[in-house]
């Protein structure tokens, strides 16, 4: 799309880096809101496929372009949304070869949606400030389905100038935007607390289901009873449904919680603050990853429990779960 054509779009010019499970849905939400995001992904074919989709009923090219590097994309936008996995990838997007930081115009804003350590987020904000680029600390929660629906929860912090430019983007991506203050890192701190709870809930749900199965309760019966009892949780209901289906396709992978609970523990350690439940859950995800399950859905942490037979996908023979 020509530069002049991009400027006719109402609202800021928007780009998004990282078309993974979350980022692809977020890019589609931006497109649905009429923001025509340009995109970049290290898998060029994924970015090109998104650009060629053309939007619902749109023409090819109207939904935004695919760019070969984050820097080339950054040079065309007012708001750049980063949806990559970890701090190392954020560093590469901004300051690596072909990175975005040097190409963003003064006054533009980088919206950091990854889960990273709060102090790392604050460091990135300071480095971008030296280039007169705003930074919005904006990790998200809600999963792939809510990302695609534009119904994420966003935990944000940043300057009034950053919000002024990014507000239309936040509105397109989320059902709720929590504004936690001006200090970069506040959003990431709250996200760490959320991930503590999410990781512990998944680990506890897996342990409970494993115990029931070991005791001879059919997993379908256990799921039915628990989801109608006081012991239920959103994570039990959501993740144990994956176990019942024998479907470990990663919506959020085991490795994500190895990383995120590691961030949680690292955040607490300098304060000498004990986190016994988070530490135990972290070890459970580490055990699963060490057993070769890192790329599977995080519900696969149930496979670390020995001596149980888990449901198989429909059409497959039953047998040992092959746990780690």
Protein backbone atom coordinates (compact mmCIF):
# COMPACT_ATOMS: atom_id res chain seq x y z
CA UNK A 1 0.00 0.00 0.00
CA UNK A 2 1.37 3.41 -0.91
CA UNK A 3 2.41 5.72 1.89
CA UNK A 4 -0.19 8.35 0.91
CA UNK A 5 -2.91 5.69 0.89
CA UNK A 6 -1.87 4.56 4.38
CA UNK A 7 -2.24 8.14 5.60
CA UNK A 8 -5.89 8.26 4.50
CA UNK A 9 -6.81 5.66 7.11
CA UNK A 10 -8.65 7.14 10.09
CA UNK A 11 -6.62 6.85 13.29
CA UNK A 12 -2.92 6.19 13.81
CA UNK A 13 -0.90 4.13 11.40
CA UNK A 14 -0.42 0.80 13.16
CA UNK A 15 2.01 -2.08 12.86
CA UNK A 16 2.20 -5.39 14.69
CA UNK A 17 5.22 -7.64 15.12
CA UNK A 18 4.70 -11.31 15.99
CA UNK A 19 1.89 -13.31 14.37
CA UNK A 20 1.86 -16.23 16.78
CA UNK A 21 -1.16 -17.63 18.58
CA UNK A 22 -1.97 -14.31 20.24
CA UNK A 23 -0.54 -11.87 17.73
CA UNK A 24 -2.45 -13.19 14.73
CA UNK A 25 -5.77 -12.77 16.52
CA UNK A 26 -4.76 -9.30 17.68
CA UNK A 27 -3.78 -8.28 14.15
CA UNK A 28 -7.17 -9.44 12.91
CA UNK A 29 -8.88 -7.42 15.63
CA UNK A 30 -6.96 -4.33 14.51
CA UNK A 31 -8.00 -4.97 10.94
CA UNK A 32 -11.63 -5.46 11.95
CA UNK A 33 -11.48 -2.06 13.68
CA UNK A 34 -10.38 -0.48 10.40
CA UNK A 35 -6.80 0.21 11.46
CA UNK A 36 -5.18 -1.72 8.57
CA UNK A 37 -2.13 -2.98 10.43
CA UNK A 38 1.13 -3.58 8.66
CA UNK A 39 2.74 -6.75 9.99
CA UNK A 40 6.08 -8.48 10.41
CA UNK A 41 6.89 -12.00 11.55
CA UNK A 42 10.13 -13.95 11.38
CA UNK A 43 8.10 -16.45 9.36
CA UNK A 44 7.68 -14.31 6.25
CA UNK A 45 5.04 -16.61 4.80
CA UNK A 46 2.78 -16.07 7.83
CA UNK A 47 2.95 -12.29 7.46
CA UNK A 48 2.37 -12.48 3.71
CA UNK A 49 -0.63 -14.78 4.24
CA UNK A 50 -2.15 -12.32 6.70
CA UNK A 51 -1.67 -9.43 4.29
CA UNK A 52 -3.20 -11.43 1.45
CA UNK A 53 -6.31 -12.31 3.44
CA UNK A 54 -7.72 -8.91 2.55
CA UNK A 55 -10.01 -8.71 5.57
CA UNK A 56 -13.64 -9.62 5.76
CA UNK A 57 -14.91 -8.72 2.30
CA UNK A 58 -11.94 -6.46 1.62
CA UNK A 59 -9.57 -6.35 -1.29
CA UNK A 60 -6.13 -7.87 -1.23
CA UNK A 61 -3.72 -5.34 0.23
CA UNK A 62 -6.37 -3.29 2.02
CA UNK A 63 -5.83 -5.10 5.29
CA UNK A 64 -2.20 -4.02 5.61
CA UNK A 65 1.16 -5.00 4.24
CA UNK A 66 3.74 -7.59 5.21
CA UNK A 67 7.22 -6.17 5.89
CA UNK A 68 10.51 -8.04 5.70
CA UNK A 69 11.91 -6.54 8.92
CA UNK A 70 10.58 -4.91 12.06
CA UNK A 71 12.55 -1.80 11.14
CA UNK A 72 10.95 -1.45 7.73
CA UNK A 73 7.52 -1.75 9.34
CA UNK A 74 8.42 0.68 12.13
CA UNK A 75 9.33 3.38 9.64
CA UNK A 76 5.72 3.47 8.38
CA UNK A 77 3.72 3.58 11.64
CA UNK A 78 2.76 5.76 14.60
CA UNK A 79 2.02 2.82 16.90
CA UNK A 80 4.00 -0.42 16.82
CA UNK A 81 2.54 -3.35 18.79
CA UNK A 82 4.98 -6.09 19.83
CA UNK A 83 3.54 -9.55 20.55
CA UNK A 84 6.60 -11.77 20.85
CA UNK A 85 7.40 -14.48 23.36
CA UNK A 86 10.03 -13.15 25.74
CA UNK A 87 12.45 -10.37 26.63
CA UNK A 88 15.12 -11.64 24.25
CA UNK A 89 12.70 -11.43 21.35
CA UNK A 90 11.57 -7.94 22.39
CA UNK A 91 15.24 -6.93 22.44
CA UNK A 92 15.70 -8.34 18.93
CA UNK A 93 12.58 -6.61 17.59
CA UNK A 94 13.69 -3.23 18.93
CA UNK A 95 17.46 -3.26 18.93
CA UNK A 96 18.54 -6.27 16.87
CA UNK A 97 19.64 -6.26 13.23
CA UNK A 98 16.95 -4.49 11.21
CA UNK A 99 15.30 -3.53 14.49
CA UNK A 100 12.49 -1.08 15.03
CA UNK A 101 13.88 1.35 17.59
CA UNK A 102 16.07 3.30 15.21
CA UNK A 103 13.33 3.49 12.58
CA UNK A 104 10.40 4.65 14.71
CA UNK A 105 9.77 8.35 14.30
CA UNK A 106 10.17 10.64 17.34
CA UNK A 107 6.85 10.74 19.15
CA UNK A 108 5.78 7.25 18.03
CA UNK A 109 4.89 4.63 20.63
CA UNK A 110 5.90 1.01 21.12
CA UNK A 111 3.19 -1.09 22.80
CA UNK A 112 4.93 -3.97 24.56
CA UNK A 113 2.45 -6.87 24.95
CA UNK A 114 4.90 -9.62 25.90
CA UNK A 115 5.30 -11.13 29.36
CA UNK A 116 8.70 -10.00 30.60
CA UNK A 117 10.28 -9.02 33.92
CA UNK A 118 9.15 -5.60 35.21
CA UNK A 119 12.69 -4.28 35.53
CA UNK A 120 13.44 -5.31 31.94
CA UNK A 121 10.33 -3.47 30.77
CA UNK A 122 11.45 -0.31 32.57
CA UNK A 123 14.92 -0.63 31.00
CA UNK A 124 13.42 -0.86 27.49
CA UNK A 125 11.28 2.22 28.18
CA UNK A 126 14.36 4.19 29.21
CA UNK A 127 16.30 3.18 26.09
CA UNK A 128 13.41 4.18 23.81
CA UNK A 129 13.01 7.48 25.67
CA UNK A 130 16.57 8.34 24.63
CA UNK A 131 15.28 8.14 21.03
CA UNK A 132 12.17 10.22 21.88
CA UNK A 133 9.97 7.16 21.35
CA UNK A 134 7.16 6.52 23.82
CA UNK A 135 6.69 3.13 25.48
CA UNK A 136 3.55 1.50 26.80
CA UNK A 137 3.99 -1.45 29.13
CA UNK A 138 0.94 -3.50 28.08
CA UNK A 139 0.98 -7.26 28.71
CA UNK A 140 -2.28 -9.03 27.91
CA UNK A 141 -4.40 -11.86 29.23
CA UNK A 142 -7.28 -13.82 27.77
CA UNK A 143 -5.95 -16.46 25.37
CA UNK A 144 -6.15 -16.86 21.63
CA UNK A 145 -9.94 -16.82 21.37
CA UNK A 146 -10.30 -13.49 23.16
CA UNK A 147 -7.35 -12.08 21.19
CA UNK A 148 -9.19 -12.88 17.97
CA UNK A 149 -12.40 -11.37 19.34
CA UNK A 150 -10.75 -8.13 20.48
CA UNK A 151 -11.71 -8.93 24.07
CA UNK A 152 -8.37 -9.12 25.84
CA UNK A 153 -7.61 -7.77 29.29
CA UNK A 154 -4.68 -5.34 29.09
CA UNK A 155 -2.53 -4.39 32.09
CA UNK A 156 -0.94 -1.13 31.07
CA UNK A 157 1.29 1.64 32.34
CA UNK A 158 2.92 4.55 30.57
CA UNK A 159 2.86 8.26 29.91
CA UNK A 160 -0.18 10.32 28.95
CA UNK A 161 1.43 10.93 25.55
CA UNK A 162 1.78 7.20 24.94
CA UNK A 163 -1.86 6.59 25.81
CA UNK A 164 -3.03 9.49 23.65
CA UNK A 165 -1.55 7.87 20.56
CA UNK A 166 -2.22 4.23 21.43
CA UNK A 167 -5.78 4.51 22.75
CA UNK A 168 -7.53 3.53 19.46
CA UNK A 169 -5.28 0.47 19.30
CA UNK A 170 -5.98 -0.55 22.90
CA UNK A 171 -9.70 -0.13 22.29
CA UNK A 172 -9.56 -2.40 19.23
CA UNK A 173 -7.68 -5.13 21.09
CA UNK A 174 -9.40 -5.30 24.44
CA UNK A 175 -12.55 -5.60 26.48
CA UNK A 176 -10.84 -3.96 29.44
CA UNK A 177 -7.77 -1.73 29.69
CA UNK A 178 -6.39 -1.31 33.20
CA UNK A 179 -4.33 1.89 33.49
CA UNK A 180 -1.99 1.25 36.37
CA UNK A 181 0.11 4.41 36.36
CA UNK A 182 2.81 6.24 34.45
CA UNK A 183 5.76 4.12 35.54
CA UNK A 184 6.90 1.48 33.01
CA UNK A 185 6.95 -1.97 34.61
CA UNK A 186 3.73 -1.62 36.59
CA UNK A 187 1.81 -3.48 33.90
CA UNK A 188 4.41 -6.24 33.84
CA UNK A 189 4.32 -6.49 37.64
CA UNK A 190 0.56 -7.10 37.62
CA UNK A 191 0.96 -9.57 34.75
CA UNK A 192 3.49 -11.50 36.85
CA UNK A 193 0.94 -11.76 39.66
CA UNK A 194 -1.65 -13.00 37.16
CA UNK A 195 0.77 -15.60 35.82
CA UNK A 196 1.52 -16.78 39.36
CA UNK A 197 -2.16 -17.53 39.81
CA UNK A 198 -2.62 -19.00 36.34
CA UNK A 199 0.36 -21.34 36.68
CA UNK A 200 -0.56 -22.51 40.17
CA UNK A 201 -4.18 -23.08 39.14
CA UNK A 202 -3.15 -25.20 36.13
CA UNK A 203 -0.71 -27.25 38.21
CA UNK A 204 -3.32 -27.77 40.95
CA UNK A 205 -5.99 -28.75 38.41
CA UNK A 206 -3.63 -31.30 36.85
CA UNK A 207 -2.70 -32.75 40.23
CA UNK A 208 -6.35 -33.07 41.25
CA UNK A 209 -7.38 -34.71 37.99
CA UNK A 210 -4.40 -37.10 38.18
CA UNK A 211 -5.36 -38.15 41.71
CA UNK A 212 -8.96 -38.82 40.70
CA UNK A 213 -7.89 -40.88 37.69
CA UNK A 214 -5.39 -42.86 39.79
CA UNK A 215 -8.17 -43.58 42.29
CA UNK A 216 -10.31 -45.05 39.53
CA UNK A 217 -12.81 -42.24 38.94
CA UNK A 218 -13.62 -41.88 35.24
CA UNK A 219 -12.14 -38.53 34.14
CA UNK A 220 -15.40 -37.46 32.49
CA UNK A 221 -17.26 -38.04 35.76
CA UNK A 222 -14.61 -36.18 37.73
CA UNK A 223 -14.79 -33.23 35.34
CA UNK A 224 -18.58 -33.10 35.54
CA UNK A 225 -18.66 -33.17 39.34
CA UNK A 226 -15.81 -30.75 39.98
CA UNK A 227 -17.05 -28.17 37.47
CA UNK A 228 -20.28 -28.03 39.48
CA UNK A 229 -18.62 -27.94 42.89
CA UNK A 230 -16.70 -25.51 45.06
CA UNK A 231 -13.34 -26.91 43.98
CA UNK A 232 -13.81 -25.71 40.42
CA UNK A 233 -11.69 -22.97 38.86
CA UNK A 234 -11.60 -21.34 35.43
CA UNK A 235 -8.32 -23.17 34.77
CA UNK A 236 -9.72 -26.56 35.85
CA UNK A 237 -12.74 -26.12 33.60
CA UNK A 238 -10.71 -24.88 30.63
CA UNK A 239 -7.51 -26.95 30.78
CA UNK A 240 -8.95 -30.26 31.97
CA UNK A 241 -11.31 -30.12 28.98
CA UNK A 242 -8.15 -30.41 26.88
CA UNK A 243 -7.11 -33.45 28.92
CA UNK A 244 -10.51 -35.09 28.44
CA UNK A 245 -10.21 -34.56 24.68
CA UNK A 246 -6.63 -35.87 24.68
CA UNK A 247 -5.80 -32.71 22.76
CA UNK A 248 -2.49 -31.12 23.71
CA UNK A 249 -2.31 -28.73 20.77
CA UNK A 250 -0.61 -25.70 22.37
CA UNK A 251 -2.96 -22.78 23.01
CA UNK A 252 -0.38 -21.84 25.65
CA UNK A 253 2.59 -24.15 25.89
CA UNK A 254 4.29 -25.75 28.89
CA UNK A 255 7.39 -23.71 28.03
CA UNK A 256 5.42 -20.49 28.48
CA UNK A 257 4.89 -21.31 32.14
CA UNK A 258 8.49 -22.38 32.58
CA UNK A 259 9.32 -18.83 31.49
CA UNK A 260 6.52 -16.95 33.23
CA UNK A 261 6.80 -18.63 36.61
CA UNK A 262 10.55 -18.09 36.33
CA UNK A 263 9.82 -14.35 35.96
CA UNK A 264 7.52 -14.54 38.99
CA UNK A 265 10.22 -16.15 41.13
CA UNK A 266 12.89 -13.75 39.85
CA UNK A 267 10.64 -10.81 40.75
CA UNK A 268 10.24 -12.01 44.33
CA UNK A 269 13.83 -13.15 44.98
CA UNK A 270 15.51 -9.74 45.43
CA UNK A 271 12.87 -8.90 48.03
CA UNK A 272 13.49 -12.21 49.83
CA UNK A 273 9.79 -12.88 49.45
CA UNK A 274 8.79 -16.57 49.64
CA UNK A 275 6.55 -18.06 46.95
CA UNK A 276 6.20 -21.75 47.87
CA UNK A 277 3.23 -22.50 45.63
CA UNK A 278 4.73 -20.75 42.60
CA UNK A 279 8.04 -22.57 43.15
CA UNK A 280 6.33 -25.96 43.25
CA UNK A 281 4.28 -25.21 40.14
CA UNK A 282 7.42 -24.02 38.36
CA UNK A 283 9.15 -27.31 39.15
CA UNK A 284 6.17 -29.22 37.76
CA UNK A 285 6.33 -27.34 34.46
CA UNK A 286 10.13 -27.78 34.39
CA UNK A 287 9.67 -31.53 34.88
CA UNK A 288 7.20 -31.64 32.00
CA UNK A 289 9.55 -29.65 29.76
CA UNK A 290 12.48 -31.89 30.69
CA UNK A 291 10.35 -34.85 29.64
CA UNK A 292 9.96 -33.45 26.15
CA UNK A 293 6.56 -31.82 26.67
CA UNK A 294 7.66 -28.17 26.44
CA UNK A 295 5.92 -27.54 23.15
CA UNK A 296 2.63 -29.14 24.18
CA UNK A 297 -0.36 -27.38 25.70
CA UNK A 298 0.26 -26.38 29.32
CA UNK A 299 -2.38 -28.91 30.42
CA UNK A 300 0.20 -31.58 29.47
CA UNK A 301 1.77 -30.94 32.87
CA UNK A 302 -0.62 -33.69 34.02
CA UNK A 303 1.62 -36.18 32.19
CA UNK A 304 4.30 -35.87 34.87
CA UNK A 305 2.17 -38.01 37.19
CA UNK A 306 3.08 -41.70 36.92
CA UNK A 307 0.80 -44.69 36.73
CA UNK A 308 -2.27 -43.08 35.19
CA UNK A 309 -3.95 -43.62 31.85
CA UNK A 310 -5.23 -40.41 30.30
CA UNK A 311 -7.94 -40.03 27.65
CA UNK A 312 -6.85 -40.27 24.04
CA UNK A 313 -8.24 -38.30 21.11
CA UNK A 314 -11.39 -39.77 19.59
CA UNK A 315 -10.54 -42.64 17.28
CA UNK A 316 -7.24 -43.51 18.95
CA UNK A 317 -6.74 -46.62 21.03
CA UNK A 318 -6.46 -46.19 24.77
CA UNK A 319 -3.14 -46.91 26.38
CA UNK A 320 -0.50 -45.51 28.72
CA UNK A 321 -0.31 -41.74 28.66
CA UNK A 322 3.37 -41.74 27.87
CA UNK A 323 3.92 -39.25 30.64
CA UNK A 324 7.22 -37.56 31.31
